[in-house]
Every structure is written in C-alpha cells, then in structure tokens.
C-alpha cells in the first residue's frame, strides 16, 4: 500500500528535460546564480510575475532576457523612466480618418513575456497602469476590455540602492509579484569566471546563440501539469501556519495575505515538479517561502533599525513551527 502512494502519478519527463536544457543554456552565459535561475523557472511554471532586485551590473536584465529567449514567445522590453505615461505601456486610441472612428493601438504590455527594466523609475500613475494587467490578465481602455494572451509574465527589475528619480512600489503592486528575487554580488571565483568569459566573447554574441527550448503551448501544458500536483492536507496546514504567524509576529508591522499562502503552494508545486516529483514536501515550502514573503511583509521600525531582514524573520517563523513528516 505504501509503495502505491509513492508511485509517480504524473509524467514529468518533458518538464524535467526542459528545465535541464534551460539551465544548461543559461549556465553557458550567466556565471553562478543557480538559485536565481531556479526561482525564475519556478515562477514561470507557477504562472507568476517576478521582481528582480539588485545593484547595477550584476546581470539582472541579462538573466531575465535569457529566460525570455529560451521560450519561443512574444517578448517586449519596456524601459521605465520618470516621464513614461500609462499610454506608453498600455497603448492608446488613435483617430482613423478613413473610418472616422477611434482605433485602439496596443502598447508593448501586450506580449507573452514583458521585461520591465527599473520599474521603480516610473511614477505611481504609470506603475498603477499595470495593476489590472498583472492581476486580471486584461486591460480596460475607454470602457473596452482587452484580454492578454497566455502566457503573460512580467519580469521587472529594480535597483534597491539608488533613491534619486525613483518611486517606491506600493504594497498592492508588490503583492502582485509571486517572487522577489534578490541578486547578490558574485564570489571572487565567479568574478574571475565572468571576466574570463567576457574577455573571450561578448554578451551580444552569446545571446545570438540562445535558442528557444519551449513554445507557448508547452508552457501552458506544463503549467497544467504543475497545477495538478498532489498536496497533502498537512502541507497546506503548514503553509497556513507560516502565513498566520506573520500576522501576529512582533517583528512585523504587516503580515502575509491569503494571496501569499496560494503563492507558496503554487511555487512549491513548481519546485517539486522541477525536481521530478509529483507531490510537494515541507522542504519545497521552506525553500520558496523567503522569495514569496520578503516583499509582502513589513518590518516594524525598531527591527529595521536593528538591521533585521525580512528573510531573518521568515526563518525564525519557520523554526517555531513543527515541520510535518
């Protein structure tokens, strides 16, 4: 009976093969950042938007571009600037003299993978133009609703250090991102590898060598597989306890919402599938929890002054809760 329970119910061979191919492709160009790549792939499989944060020059945009190039889908890149208007992102109605009517010209947000570079450089008016597109996968202009094509993924980058000419993302917008991925500086060995690699071949030349691994229909099919993975009730209870604890934790001013609970479950399913399993374990939950929660929880002012990070609090919360076995 026990043997039956652990038998693989879902064929994940195609998904595993695609993940290996994408990792191999990115590994030839991006040095290190294995966790970052895992989270990016998991985010796409879990149908979530991803915020990538890090100082300039550590390949945030390059990594996002490479992920987009590995999927044979419509790609748009939008550079956010302080003078960018909502119509520059969503599109606008243009008068057609032939038909004497207004026609809607779609903006760059209508694509499958949208790379928004430096999302915190645009003012609140332009940032909020993304709310409906990111959450409801649609855009409403002049009373008419236009559906986005599937898959629709927003990969946004931001620089956490620079303050001048930037506008902090509101909590409501941050909550729409499945993950916030923090990219750190490379180690000394990785830095040497980066310099050696770039000395031999430019990034532009490397990018031309990247070939798509997955099609749009592949992504839609793999997402359906991921959604169908088995989750034990005790794992769901474990996730609920983590989120509930964020709401009563003395170190936090703001805890996670039910959207955070769903995000942990969906991304843990994606991580399990990437590892070739059709069920999720507590380890999957623990691994994705920091990326799901770090932008959804707010530290109290005194904890911020002490230099405590959201990841520290998440780790403390998980330690307090009994891990189901």
Protein backbone atom coordinates (compact mmCIF):
# COMPACT_ATOMS: atom_id res chain seq x y z
CA UNK A 1 0.00 0.00 0.00
CA UNK A 2 2.85 2.36 0.88
CA UNK A 3 4.54 1.55 -2.44
CA UNK A 4 1.42 2.63 -4.31
CA UNK A 5 1.41 6.01 -2.56
CA UNK A 6 4.93 6.86 -3.72
CA UNK A 7 4.40 5.77 -7.32
CA UNK A 8 4.70 8.63 -9.80
CA UNK A 9 1.19 9.66 -10.85
CA UNK A 10 2.24 12.35 -13.33
CA UNK A 11 4.75 12.06 -16.16
CA UNK A 12 7.16 14.94 -15.58
CA UNK A 13 9.87 13.80 -18.01
CA UNK A 14 9.21 16.59 -20.55
CA UNK A 15 9.25 19.23 -17.80
CA UNK A 16 12.49 17.88 -16.29
CA UNK A 17 14.14 17.77 -19.72
CA UNK A 18 13.10 21.38 -20.47
CA UNK A 19 14.41 22.59 -17.09
CA UNK A 20 17.79 20.90 -17.70
CA UNK A 21 18.02 22.47 -21.19
CA UNK A 22 17.18 25.97 -19.91
CA UNK A 23 19.69 25.66 -17.05
CA UNK A 24 22.40 24.44 -19.45
CA UNK A 25 21.72 27.32 -21.85
CA UNK A 26 21.79 29.96 -19.11
CA UNK A 27 24.78 28.35 -17.40
CA UNK A 28 26.91 28.97 -20.50
CA UNK A 29 26.36 32.74 -20.19
CA UNK A 30 25.37 33.54 -16.59
CA UNK A 31 28.01 32.59 -14.03
CA UNK A 32 26.61 31.21 -10.75
CA UNK A 33 23.14 32.44 -9.68
CA UNK A 34 21.75 28.88 -9.63
CA UNK A 35 19.05 29.72 -7.07
CA UNK A 36 18.01 32.78 -9.10
CA UNK A 37 17.59 30.66 -12.24
CA UNK A 38 15.62 28.01 -10.31
CA UNK A 39 13.25 30.69 -8.96
CA UNK A 40 12.79 32.25 -12.41
CA UNK A 41 11.85 28.89 -13.95
CA UNK A 42 9.58 28.07 -10.98
CA UNK A 43 7.87 31.46 -11.32
CA UNK A 44 7.09 30.86 -14.98
CA UNK A 45 5.75 27.34 -14.26
CA UNK A 46 3.63 28.69 -11.37
CA UNK A 47 2.14 31.43 -13.63
CA UNK A 48 3.57 34.28 -11.55
CA UNK A 49 5.20 37.66 -12.10
CA UNK A 50 8.72 38.15 -10.77
CA UNK A 51 10.53 41.16 -9.30
CA UNK A 52 14.33 41.01 -9.55
CA UNK A 53 16.27 43.32 -7.25
CA UNK A 54 19.99 44.05 -7.20
CA UNK A 55 22.62 46.74 -7.72
CA UNK A 56 23.58 47.70 -11.30
CA UNK A 57 25.91 45.45 -13.28
CA UNK A 58 25.08 42.03 -11.80
CA UNK A 59 23.19 40.67 -14.85
CA UNK A 60 19.58 41.24 -13.68
CA UNK A 61 18.39 42.30 -17.13
CA UNK A 62 20.62 39.78 -18.91
CA UNK A 63 19.25 36.85 -16.88
CA UNK A 64 15.64 37.96 -17.50
CA UNK A 65 16.39 38.33 -21.24
CA UNK A 66 17.92 34.85 -21.40
CA UNK A 67 14.88 33.28 -19.71
CA UNK A 68 12.67 35.08 -22.24
CA UNK A 69 14.83 33.92 -25.18
CA UNK A 70 14.61 30.31 -24.02
CA UNK A 71 10.84 30.47 -24.61
CA UNK A 72 9.51 30.85 -28.16
CA UNK A 73 7.02 33.59 -27.26
CA UNK A 74 6.35 37.28 -27.93
CA UNK A 75 8.83 39.34 -25.90
CA UNK A 76 8.59 43.05 -25.05
CA UNK A 77 11.05 45.21 -23.14
CA UNK A 78 9.87 48.44 -21.53
CA UNK A 79 12.38 50.84 -20.00
CA UNK A 80 10.59 52.68 -17.19
CA UNK A 81 11.52 56.37 -16.87
CA UNK A 82 10.09 59.27 -14.80
CA UNK A 83 8.33 60.74 -17.87
CA UNK A 84 6.73 57.44 -19.01
CA UNK A 85 2.94 57.69 -19.35
CA UNK A 86 0.37 54.86 -18.88
CA UNK A 87 -0.47 55.07 -22.61
CA UNK A 88 3.21 54.31 -23.41
CA UNK A 89 2.69 50.95 -21.67
CA UNK A 90 -0.96 50.05 -22.33
CA UNK A 91 -1.49 51.69 -25.71
CA UNK A 92 -3.91 54.41 -26.79
CA UNK A 93 -6.89 55.15 -29.01
CA UNK A 94 -5.90 56.78 -32.31
CA UNK A 95 -8.29 58.52 -34.73
CA UNK A 96 -8.52 56.80 -38.11
CA UNK A 97 -9.65 59.33 -40.77
CA UNK A 98 -10.65 56.52 -43.19
CA UNK A 99 -13.19 55.00 -40.82
CA UNK A 100 -13.82 58.31 -38.94
CA UNK A 101 -13.51 56.33 -35.75
CA UNK A 102 -11.00 55.74 -32.98
CA UNK A 103 -8.89 52.59 -33.15
CA UNK A 104 -7.05 51.09 -30.20
CA UNK A 105 -3.31 50.68 -30.81
CA UNK A 106 -1.94 48.11 -28.37
CA UNK A 107 1.04 49.02 -26.24
CA UNK A 108 4.15 46.92 -25.51
CA UNK A 109 2.46 45.30 -22.48
CA UNK A 110 0.59 43.07 -24.93
CA UNK A 111 3.05 40.22 -25.20
CA UNK A 112 3.82 36.92 -23.51
CA UNK A 113 6.96 37.89 -21.59
CA UNK A 114 7.30 41.54 -20.60
CA UNK A 115 10.62 42.74 -19.22
CA UNK A 116 10.17 46.00 -17.30
CA UNK A 117 13.57 47.48 -16.62
CA UNK A 118 13.87 49.66 -13.49
CA UNK A 119 10.19 49.50 -12.59
CA UNK A 120 10.67 51.92 -9.69
CA UNK A 121 11.76 54.74 -12.03
CA UNK A 122 8.22 55.43 -13.30
CA UNK A 123 5.76 57.48 -11.21
CA UNK A 124 2.77 55.92 -9.40
CA UNK A 125 0.38 56.75 -12.27
CA UNK A 126 2.34 54.58 -14.70
CA UNK A 127 3.07 51.84 -12.14
CA UNK A 128 -0.66 51.54 -11.34
CA UNK A 129 -1.42 51.06 -15.06
CA UNK A 130 -0.02 47.54 -14.59
CA UNK A 131 -2.39 46.59 -11.74
CA UNK A 132 -5.22 45.23 -13.90
CA UNK A 133 -2.89 43.62 -16.46
CA UNK A 134 -0.87 41.76 -13.80
CA UNK A 135 -3.78 40.55 -11.67
CA UNK A 136 -6.65 40.03 -14.12
CA UNK A 137 -4.65 39.46 -17.33
CA UNK A 138 -6.63 42.16 -19.12
CA UNK A 139 -6.52 45.89 -19.93
CA UNK A 140 -9.55 48.21 -19.97
CA UNK A 141 -9.27 51.26 -22.25
CA UNK A 142 -12.18 53.65 -22.92
CA UNK A 143 -14.65 51.17 -21.45
CA UNK A 144 -13.49 48.24 -23.61
CA UNK A 145 -11.67 45.27 -22.09
CA UNK A 146 -8.83 43.58 -23.99
CA UNK A 147 -7.62 40.16 -22.81
CA UNK A 148 -3.91 39.39 -22.61
CA UNK A 149 -2.55 36.37 -24.46
CA UNK A 150 -1.45 33.37 -22.40
CA UNK A 151 1.13 33.00 -21.02
CA UNK A 152 1.51 36.54 -19.66
CA UNK A 153 4.56 37.04 -17.43
CA UNK A 154 6.00 40.30 -16.10
CA UNK A 155 9.71 40.21 -15.20
CA UNK A 156 10.59 43.50 -13.51
CA UNK A 157 13.98 44.74 -12.29
CA UNK A 158 14.80 47.40 -9.73
CA UNK A 159 17.86 48.90 -8.04
CA UNK A 160 17.48 48.97 -4.21
CA UNK A 161 20.28 51.48 -3.62
CA UNK A 162 19.51 54.46 -5.84
CA UNK A 163 16.90 56.85 -4.42
CA UNK A 164 17.03 59.87 -6.75
CA UNK A 165 14.43 59.75 -9.52
CA UNK A 166 12.80 56.59 -8.17
CA UNK A 167 9.29 55.93 -6.85
CA UNK A 168 8.79 53.18 -4.29
CA UNK A 169 6.41 50.42 -5.43
CA UNK A 170 3.16 50.44 -3.39
CA UNK A 171 2.35 47.36 -1.29
CA UNK A 172 -0.61 46.50 -3.54
CA UNK A 173 1.71 46.30 -6.55
CA UNK A 174 4.40 44.33 -4.71
CA UNK A 175 1.75 41.80 -3.66
CA UNK A 176 1.07 41.04 -7.33
CA UNK A 177 4.58 39.64 -7.76
CA UNK A 178 4.88 35.94 -6.98
CA UNK A 179 8.58 36.26 -6.09
CA UNK A 180 11.02 38.95 -5.18
CA UNK A 181 14.45 37.62 -6.15
CA UNK A 182 17.48 39.33 -4.65
CA UNK A 183 20.66 39.01 -6.72
CA UNK A 184 23.87 39.38 -4.72
CA UNK A 185 27.42 40.20 -5.78
CA UNK A 186 29.35 37.24 -7.26
CA UNK A 187 32.05 35.47 -5.24
CA UNK A 188 35.74 36.00 -6.12
CA UNK A 189 35.84 32.74 -8.14
CA UNK A 190 32.65 33.72 -10.01
CA UNK A 191 34.04 37.21 -10.70
CA UNK A 192 37.17 35.68 -12.25
CA UNK A 193 34.97 33.36 -14.37
CA UNK A 194 32.84 36.33 -15.55
CA UNK A 195 35.90 38.37 -16.59
CA UNK A 196 37.45 35.36 -18.37
CA UNK A 197 34.23 34.54 -20.20
CA UNK A 198 33.53 38.12 -21.32
CA UNK A 199 37.16 38.52 -22.37
CA UNK A 200 36.67 35.69 -24.88
CA UNK A 201 33.20 36.51 -26.21
CA UNK A 202 30.82 39.48 -25.87
CA UNK A 203 27.36 39.12 -24.30
CA UNK A 204 25.71 40.15 -27.59
CA UNK A 205 27.45 37.28 -29.41
CA UNK A 206 26.43 34.84 -26.65
CA UNK A 207 22.78 35.97 -26.82
CA UNK A 208 22.56 35.16 -30.53
CA UNK A 209 23.47 31.55 -29.72
CA UNK A 210 20.48 31.07 -27.36
CA UNK A 211 17.73 29.00 -28.99
CA UNK A 212 14.16 28.56 -27.66
CA UNK A 213 13.59 25.42 -25.60
CA UNK A 214 9.83 25.74 -25.00
CA UNK A 215 6.91 27.00 -27.06
CA UNK A 216 3.85 28.89 -25.75
CA UNK A 217 1.75 25.71 -25.91
CA UNK A 218 4.49 23.84 -23.99
CA UNK A 219 4.37 26.40 -21.17
CA UNK A 220 0.55 26.21 -20.98
CA UNK A 221 0.69 22.39 -20.89
CA UNK A 222 3.47 22.27 -18.25
CA UNK A 223 1.59 24.75 -16.06
CA UNK A 224 -1.46 22.47 -16.15
CA UNK A 225 0.77 19.57 -15.01
CA UNK A 226 2.18 21.67 -12.15
CA UNK A 227 -1.30 22.77 -11.01
CA UNK A 228 -2.36 19.11 -10.84
CA UNK A 229 0.37 18.01 -8.42
CA UNK A 230 -0.69 16.35 -5.18
CA UNK A 231 -0.54 18.35 -1.93
CA UNK A 232 -1.15 16.65 1.40
CA UNK A 233 -3.52 18.41 3.84
CA UNK A 234 -0.74 18.62 6.45
CA UNK A 235 1.44 20.57 3.98
CA UNK A 236 -1.41 23.02 3.34
CA UNK A 237 -1.79 23.40 7.11
CA UNK A 238 1.98 24.03 7.40
CA UNK A 239 1.73 26.84 4.81
CA UNK A 240 -1.30 28.36 6.57
CA UNK A 241 0.54 28.34 9.92
CA UNK A 242 3.53 30.18 8.39
CA UNK A 243 1.31 32.92 6.95
CA UNK A 244 -0.82 33.15 10.09
CA UNK A 245 2.33 33.59 12.18
CA UNK A 246 3.46 36.54 10.00
CA UNK A 247 0.26 38.36 11.03
CA UNK A 248 0.88 38.05 14.76
CA UNK A 249 4.70 38.25 14.81
CA UNK A 250 6.02 41.11 16.97
CA UNK A 251 8.80 41.87 14.48
CA UNK A 252 6.32 42.59 11.69
CA UNK A 253 4.09 45.57 11.04
CA UNK A 254 2.36 43.84 8.09
CA UNK A 255 1.91 40.10 7.54
CA UNK A 256 1.12 37.97 4.51
CA UNK A 257 -2.31 37.81 2.85
CA UNK A 258 -4.14 34.69 1.55
CA UNK A 259 -2.51 35.52 -1.79
CA UNK A 260 0.83 34.76 -0.11
CA UNK A 261 -0.46 31.33 1.03
CA UNK A 262 -1.54 30.47 -2.51
CA UNK A 263 1.78 31.76 -3.89
CA UNK A 264 3.76 29.44 -1.57
CA UNK A 265 1.67 26.40 -2.54
CA UNK A 266 1.82 27.11 -6.29
CA UNK A 267 5.56 27.84 -6.33
CA UNK A 268 6.31 24.80 -4.12
CA UNK A 269 4.43 22.68 -6.69
CA UNK A 270 6.65 24.13 -9.43
CA UNK A 271 9.82 23.40 -7.42
CA UNK A 272 8.68 19.81 -6.77
CA UNK A 273 7.97 19.29 -10.49
CA UNK A 274 11.40 20.69 -11.38
CA UNK A 275 12.92 18.07 -9.08
CA UNK A 276 10.91 15.32 -10.81
CA UNK A 277 8.35 14.80 -8.01
CA UNK A 278 4.56 14.93 -8.39
CA UNK A 279 3.99 15.85 -4.72
CA UNK A 280 5.37 18.66 -2.58
CA UNK A 281 7.38 18.29 0.62
CA UNK A 282 7.94 20.69 3.54
CA UNK A 283 11.42 21.36 2.11
CA UNK A 284 9.85 22.79 -1.07
CA UNK A 285 7.72 25.13 1.06
CA UNK A 286 10.72 26.22 3.17
CA UNK A 287 12.84 26.85 0.06
CA UNK A 288 10.30 29.14 -1.71
CA UNK A 289 8.96 30.92 1.42
CA UNK A 290 11.61 33.72 1.59
CA UNK A 291 11.17 34.68 -2.10
CA UNK A 292 7.37 34.70 -1.71
CA UNK A 293 7.27 36.64 1.57
CA UNK A 294 10.20 39.09 1.60
CA UNK A 295 8.25 41.76 -0.36
CA UNK A 296 4.88 41.04 1.26
CA UNK A 297 5.80 41.54 4.92
CA UNK A 298 6.86 44.81 6.56
CA UNK A 299 9.25 45.03 9.49
CA UNK A 300 8.49 47.21 12.48
CA UNK A 301 10.63 50.41 12.56
CA UNK A 302 12.70 49.18 15.54
CA UNK A 303 13.57 45.90 13.77
CA UNK A 304 14.59 47.86 10.66
CA UNK A 305 16.87 49.98 12.85
CA UNK A 306 18.42 46.81 14.26
CA UNK A 307 19.30 45.67 10.72
CA UNK A 308 16.95 42.66 10.76
CA UNK A 309 15.93 41.49 7.27
CA UNK A 310 12.55 40.02 6.22
CA UNK A 311 14.37 36.75 5.41
CA UNK A 312 15.62 36.58 9.02
CA UNK A 313 12.05 36.86 10.34
CA UNK A 314 10.74 34.26 7.87
CA UNK A 315 13.49 31.84 9.00
CA UNK A 316 12.59 32.45 12.68
CA UNK A 317 8.89 31.85 11.97
CA UNK A 318 9.58 28.55 10.17
CA UNK A 319 11.84 27.39 13.04
CA UNK A 320 8.99 27.90 15.51
CA UNK A 321 6.51 25.76 13.54
CA UNK A 322 6.64 21.98 13.66
CA UNK A 323 7.61 20.62 10.24
CA UNK A 324 5.13 17.92 9.10
CA UNK A 325 6.55 14.49 8.33
